Each structure stands twice: as C-alpha cells, then as structure tokens.
C-alpha cells in the first residue's frame, strides 16, 4: 500500500490552541508528519527546546514555491540563512471547569 506523495505544505492553525503551524511530511522513505511552529528560533532558543523527541527543522523557502521543512543534520551549514523552527506543542491552558 502506498500513500499519495505530498510535497506541499499545509499552512494552517493548531486545532487546540489556534497557533499558526506548518504541517508537512518530511523525508522520502521513512517520512515523518511534522507539525511545526512558524516562530523562528535563535540558536540559544534551539538549544533550550531541543529534546530527543522534539526536533529542530530548517524552514527553507524559495520564491514561487511553498516553504519546505528540512532535517537539521551534522552536515547542515552553521551559517544557514533560513529560519529554524521546532515541532509544535500547545501551551498549558487554564482549567475551564470548577471541579
């Protein structure tokens, strides 16, 4: 069984917290479905939020093309001109019930 190849990105909002996110399949063989925040991170912020299960992505964009998330590997250039983003996590919310 194969899935349709989706190379584009869905620029949308998180259904839980309404934050702007980018939803995209990343990879060719063992693809991951990534929901990424659109807020760019500084190198210090990247180091603070990185975890083994929360990756940092390079948000590569070109004129006349949709933005594309790319893996950050050890071969990624240190002076990359593109913004880096992380996987989305909804902020904690206040309880809505009294009990």
N, C-alpha and C. Protein backbone atom coordinates (compact mmCIF):
# COMPACT_ATOMS: atom_id res chain seq x y z
N UNK A 1 0.85 -1.17 0.00
CA UNK A 1 0.00 0.00 0.00
C UNK A 1 0.89 1.23 0.00
N UNK A 2 0.61 2.15 -0.84
CA UNK A 2 1.39 3.38 -0.89
C UNK A 2 0.47 4.55 -0.62
N UNK A 3 1.07 5.60 -0.12
CA UNK A 3 0.29 6.81 0.14
C UNK A 3 0.59 7.82 -0.95
N UNK A 4 -0.32 8.73 -1.24
CA UNK A 4 -0.05 9.75 -2.24
C UNK A 4 1.13 10.61 -1.80
N UNK A 5 1.95 10.97 -2.72
CA UNK A 5 3.12 11.78 -2.42
C UNK A 5 2.70 13.22 -2.24
N UNK A 6 2.90 13.74 -1.04
CA UNK A 6 2.54 15.13 -0.74
C UNK A 6 3.82 15.92 -0.54
N UNK A 7 4.13 16.79 -1.47
CA UNK A 7 5.34 17.59 -1.35
C UNK A 7 5.04 18.98 -0.84
N UNK A 8 3.81 19.39 -0.90
CA UNK A 8 3.45 20.73 -0.45
C UNK A 8 3.30 20.78 1.05
N UNK A 9 2.94 21.94 1.53
CA UNK A 9 2.79 22.14 2.96
C UNK A 9 1.42 22.74 3.23
N UNK A 10 0.87 22.40 4.37
CA UNK A 10 -0.40 22.96 4.78
C UNK A 10 -0.12 24.03 5.83
N UNK A 11 -0.28 25.27 5.46
CA UNK A 11 -0.10 26.38 6.38
C UNK A 11 -1.45 26.60 7.04
N UNK A 12 -1.53 26.26 8.32
CA UNK A 12 -2.83 26.30 8.98
C UNK A 12 -2.67 26.70 10.44
N UNK A 13 -3.68 26.40 11.22
CA UNK A 13 -3.67 26.70 12.65
C UNK A 13 -3.87 25.41 13.44
N UNK A 14 -3.30 25.38 14.62
CA UNK A 14 -3.46 24.23 15.51
C UNK A 14 -4.93 24.16 15.92
N UNK A 15 -5.56 22.98 15.85
CA UNK A 15 -6.97 22.89 16.23
C UNK A 15 -7.20 23.10 17.72
N UNK A 16 -6.18 22.90 18.56
CA UNK A 16 -6.35 23.05 20.00
C UNK A 16 -6.12 24.47 20.50
N UNK A 17 -5.01 25.09 20.03
CA UNK A 17 -4.66 26.41 20.58
C UNK A 17 -4.70 27.53 19.54
N UNK A 18 -4.97 27.22 18.28
CA UNK A 18 -5.09 28.19 17.18
C UNK A 18 -3.79 28.90 16.85
N UNK A 19 -2.65 28.34 17.26
CA UNK A 19 -1.36 28.92 16.88
C UNK A 19 -1.07 28.62 15.42
N UNK A 20 -0.41 29.53 14.69
CA UNK A 20 -0.08 29.24 13.29
C UNK A 20 0.98 28.13 13.22
N UNK A 21 0.71 27.10 12.42
CA UNK A 21 1.61 25.96 12.28
C UNK A 21 1.76 25.59 10.81
N UNK A 22 2.78 24.82 10.53
CA UNK A 22 3.03 24.28 9.20
C UNK A 22 3.01 22.76 9.33
N UNK A 23 2.12 22.09 8.59
CA UNK A 23 2.01 20.64 8.65
C UNK A 23 2.55 20.09 7.34
N UNK A 24 3.52 19.15 7.45
CA UNK A 24 4.18 18.66 6.24
C UNK A 24 4.81 17.30 6.50
N UNK A 25 4.83 16.44 5.46
CA UNK A 25 5.58 15.19 5.51
C UNK A 25 7.02 15.51 5.17
N UNK A 26 7.98 15.04 6.00
CA UNK A 26 9.40 15.30 5.77
C UNK A 26 10.10 13.96 5.60
N UNK A 27 10.82 13.82 4.51
CA UNK A 27 11.56 12.59 4.22
C UNK A 27 10.97 11.87 3.03
N UNK A 28 11.77 10.98 2.44
CA UNK A 28 11.32 10.25 1.26
C UNK A 28 10.90 8.81 1.58
N UNK A 29 11.66 8.13 2.42
CA UNK A 29 11.37 6.72 2.69
C UNK A 29 10.62 6.54 4.01
N UNK A 30 11.21 6.95 5.08
CA UNK A 30 10.57 6.85 6.39
C UNK A 30 10.14 8.25 6.80
N UNK A 31 9.15 8.76 6.13
CA UNK A 31 8.73 10.15 6.33
C UNK A 31 8.08 10.35 7.69
N UNK A 32 8.26 11.54 8.21
CA UNK A 32 7.61 11.95 9.45
C UNK A 32 6.60 13.03 9.13
N UNK A 33 5.44 12.95 9.75
CA UNK A 33 4.46 14.02 9.60
C UNK A 33 4.77 15.03 10.70
N UNK A 34 5.20 16.22 10.29
CA UNK A 34 5.67 17.23 11.23
C UNK A 34 4.66 18.36 11.29
N UNK A 35 4.34 18.79 12.50
CA UNK A 35 3.55 19.99 12.75
C UNK A 35 4.49 20.96 13.43
N UNK A 36 4.92 21.98 12.71
CA UNK A 36 5.95 22.90 13.21
C UNK A 36 5.38 24.28 13.49
N UNK A 37 5.89 24.90 14.56
CA UNK A 37 5.57 26.30 14.84
C UNK A 37 6.18 27.16 13.75
N UNK A 38 5.56 28.28 13.46
CA UNK A 38 6.11 29.18 12.45
C UNK A 38 6.99 30.28 13.06
N UNK A 39 7.16 30.26 14.37
CA UNK A 39 8.00 31.27 15.03
C UNK A 39 9.46 30.85 14.92
N UNK A 40 10.32 31.65 14.26
CA UNK A 40 11.74 31.30 14.14
C UNK A 40 12.42 31.32 15.51
N UNK A 41 13.42 30.44 15.67
CA UNK A 41 14.15 30.34 16.92
C UNK A 41 15.58 30.83 16.75
N UNK A 42 16.10 31.47 17.79
CA UNK A 42 17.51 31.84 17.82
C UNK A 42 18.31 30.59 18.18
N UNK A 43 19.62 30.57 17.96
CA UNK A 43 20.41 29.39 18.36
C UNK A 43 20.28 29.06 19.85
N UNK A 44 20.16 30.07 20.70
CA UNK A 44 20.00 29.83 22.13
C UNK A 44 18.65 29.16 22.42
N UNK A 45 17.59 29.63 21.74
CA UNK A 45 16.27 29.03 21.93
C UNK A 45 16.25 27.59 21.40
N UNK A 46 16.97 27.34 20.31
CA UNK A 46 17.04 25.98 19.77
C UNK A 46 17.66 25.03 20.78
N UNK A 47 18.75 25.46 21.41
CA UNK A 47 19.41 24.62 22.41
C UNK A 47 18.50 24.38 23.61
N UNK A 48 17.68 25.37 23.96
CA UNK A 48 16.81 25.24 25.13
C UNK A 48 15.63 24.30 24.88
N UNK A 49 15.07 24.28 23.67
CA UNK A 49 13.87 23.47 23.42
C UNK A 49 14.17 22.10 22.82
N UNK A 50 15.41 21.86 22.37
CA UNK A 50 15.72 20.59 21.73
C UNK A 50 15.63 19.45 22.72
N UNK A 51 14.97 18.36 22.30
CA UNK A 51 14.85 17.12 23.05
C UNK A 51 14.93 15.98 22.04
N UNK A 52 15.20 14.76 22.48
CA UNK A 52 15.25 13.65 21.52
C UNK A 52 13.96 13.46 20.72
N UNK A 53 12.82 13.78 21.31
CA UNK A 53 11.55 13.63 20.60
C UNK A 53 10.95 14.96 20.16
N UNK A 54 11.73 16.00 20.18
CA UNK A 54 11.28 17.31 19.69
C UNK A 54 12.42 17.89 18.87
N UNK A 55 12.31 17.75 17.58
CA UNK A 55 13.39 18.12 16.69
C UNK A 55 13.31 19.57 16.24
N UNK A 56 14.43 20.06 15.73
CA UNK A 56 14.52 21.40 15.15
C UNK A 56 14.58 21.21 13.64
N UNK A 57 13.88 22.05 12.90
CA UNK A 57 13.79 21.94 11.45
C UNK A 57 14.24 23.24 10.79
N UNK A 58 14.83 23.13 9.61
CA UNK A 58 15.19 24.30 8.80
C UNK A 58 14.00 24.58 7.89
N UNK A 59 13.49 25.80 7.94
CA UNK A 59 12.34 26.20 7.13
C UNK A 59 12.86 26.86 5.87
N UNK A 60 13.06 26.06 4.85
CA UNK A 60 13.64 26.52 3.59
C UNK A 60 12.54 27.07 2.70
N UNK A 61 12.71 28.27 2.22
CA UNK A 61 11.71 28.85 1.33
C UNK A 61 12.39 29.46 0.12
N UNK A 62 11.69 29.38 -1.00
CA UNK A 62 12.17 29.94 -2.26
C UNK A 62 11.04 30.74 -2.88
N UNK A 63 11.38 31.67 -3.75
CA UNK A 63 10.31 32.40 -4.44
C UNK A 63 9.48 31.43 -5.30
N UNK A 64 8.20 31.64 -5.33
CA UNK A 64 7.26 30.87 -6.16
C UNK A 64 7.17 29.40 -5.75
N UNK A 65 7.49 29.07 -4.50
CA UNK A 65 7.38 27.70 -4.01
C UNK A 65 6.91 27.73 -2.56
N UNK A 66 6.23 26.68 -2.14
CA UNK A 66 5.78 26.62 -0.75
C UNK A 66 6.98 26.34 0.16
N UNK A 67 6.91 26.77 1.42
CA UNK A 67 8.02 26.52 2.34
C UNK A 67 8.21 25.01 2.55
N UNK A 68 9.45 24.61 2.75
CA UNK A 68 9.77 23.20 2.89
C UNK A 68 10.62 22.99 4.15
N UNK A 69 10.19 22.06 5.00
CA UNK A 69 10.95 21.72 6.19
C UNK A 69 12.06 20.75 5.79
N UNK A 70 13.26 20.99 6.34
CA UNK A 70 14.40 20.12 6.06
C UNK A 70 15.03 19.67 7.37
N UNK A 71 15.59 18.46 7.35
CA UNK A 71 16.26 17.91 8.52
C UNK A 71 17.47 18.77 8.87
N UNK A 72 17.73 18.92 10.15
CA UNK A 72 18.98 19.51 10.61
C UNK A 72 19.91 18.35 10.93
N UNK A 73 20.92 18.17 10.13
CA UNK A 73 21.88 17.09 10.34
C UNK A 73 23.24 17.70 10.64
N UNK A 74 24.23 16.85 10.83
CA UNK A 74 25.57 17.39 11.12
C UNK A 74 26.18 18.07 9.90
N UNK A 75 25.61 17.85 8.72
CA UNK A 75 26.10 18.50 7.51
C UNK A 75 25.39 19.82 7.23
N UNK A 76 24.45 20.19 8.08
CA UNK A 76 23.73 21.45 7.90
C UNK A 76 24.70 22.61 8.12
N UNK A 77 24.74 23.59 7.21
CA UNK A 77 25.71 24.68 7.37
C UNK A 77 25.46 25.50 8.63
N UNK A 78 26.51 25.84 9.39
CA UNK A 78 26.31 26.60 10.63
C UNK A 78 25.76 28.00 10.40
N UNK A 79 26.04 28.62 9.28
CA UNK A 79 25.54 29.96 8.99
C UNK A 79 24.33 29.94 8.08
N UNK A 80 23.44 29.00 8.27
CA UNK A 80 22.26 28.84 7.42
C UNK A 80 21.41 30.12 7.45
N UNK A 81 21.05 30.66 6.27
CA UNK A 81 20.26 31.90 6.24
C UNK A 81 18.76 31.69 6.47
N UNK A 82 18.33 30.44 6.51
CA UNK A 82 16.89 30.16 6.67
C UNK A 82 16.52 30.07 8.15
N UNK A 83 15.27 30.42 8.49
CA UNK A 83 14.84 30.30 9.90
C UNK A 83 14.74 28.84 10.32
N UNK A 84 14.99 28.60 11.59
CA UNK A 84 14.85 27.26 12.16
C UNK A 84 13.66 27.28 13.11
N UNK A 85 12.85 26.23 13.03
CA UNK A 85 11.63 26.13 13.83
C UNK A 85 11.62 24.77 14.53
N UNK A 86 10.72 24.60 15.48
CA UNK A 86 10.61 23.34 16.20
C UNK A 86 9.20 22.79 16.07
N UNK A 87 9.06 21.53 16.49
CA UNK A 87 7.74 20.92 16.46
C UNK A 87 6.81 21.61 17.45
N UNK A 88 5.56 21.72 17.06
CA UNK A 88 4.58 22.46 17.85
C UNK A 88 4.15 21.69 19.09
N UNK A 89 4.06 22.41 20.18
CA UNK A 89 3.44 21.91 21.41
C UNK A 89 2.53 23.01 21.92
N UNK A 90 1.31 22.66 22.22
CA UNK A 90 0.36 23.65 22.72
C UNK A 90 0.80 24.14 24.09
N UNK A 91 0.64 25.44 24.35
CA UNK A 91 0.98 25.95 25.68
C UNK A 91 -0.02 25.45 26.71
N UNK A 92 0.40 25.37 27.96
CA UNK A 92 -0.55 24.93 29.00
C UNK A 92 -1.71 25.92 29.11
N UNK A 93 -2.88 25.39 29.35
CA UNK A 93 -4.06 26.24 29.44
C UNK A 93 -4.63 26.19 30.86
N UNK A 94 -5.40 27.19 31.16
CA UNK A 94 -6.09 27.24 32.45
C UNK A 94 -7.25 26.26 32.44
N UNK A 95 -7.53 25.59 33.54
CA UNK A 95 -8.70 24.70 33.56
C UNK A 95 -9.99 25.48 33.33
N UNK A 96 -10.91 24.86 32.61
CA UNK A 96 -12.17 25.54 32.30
C UNK A 96 -13.30 25.11 33.21
N UNK A 97 -13.06 24.13 34.07
CA UNK A 97 -14.11 23.68 34.98
C UNK A 97 -13.77 24.08 36.41
N UNK A 98 -14.76 24.12 37.26
CA UNK A 98 -14.55 24.48 38.64
C UNK A 98 -14.21 23.26 39.51
N UNK A 99 -14.46 22.07 39.02
CA UNK A 99 -14.26 20.85 39.81
C UNK A 99 -13.06 20.09 39.35
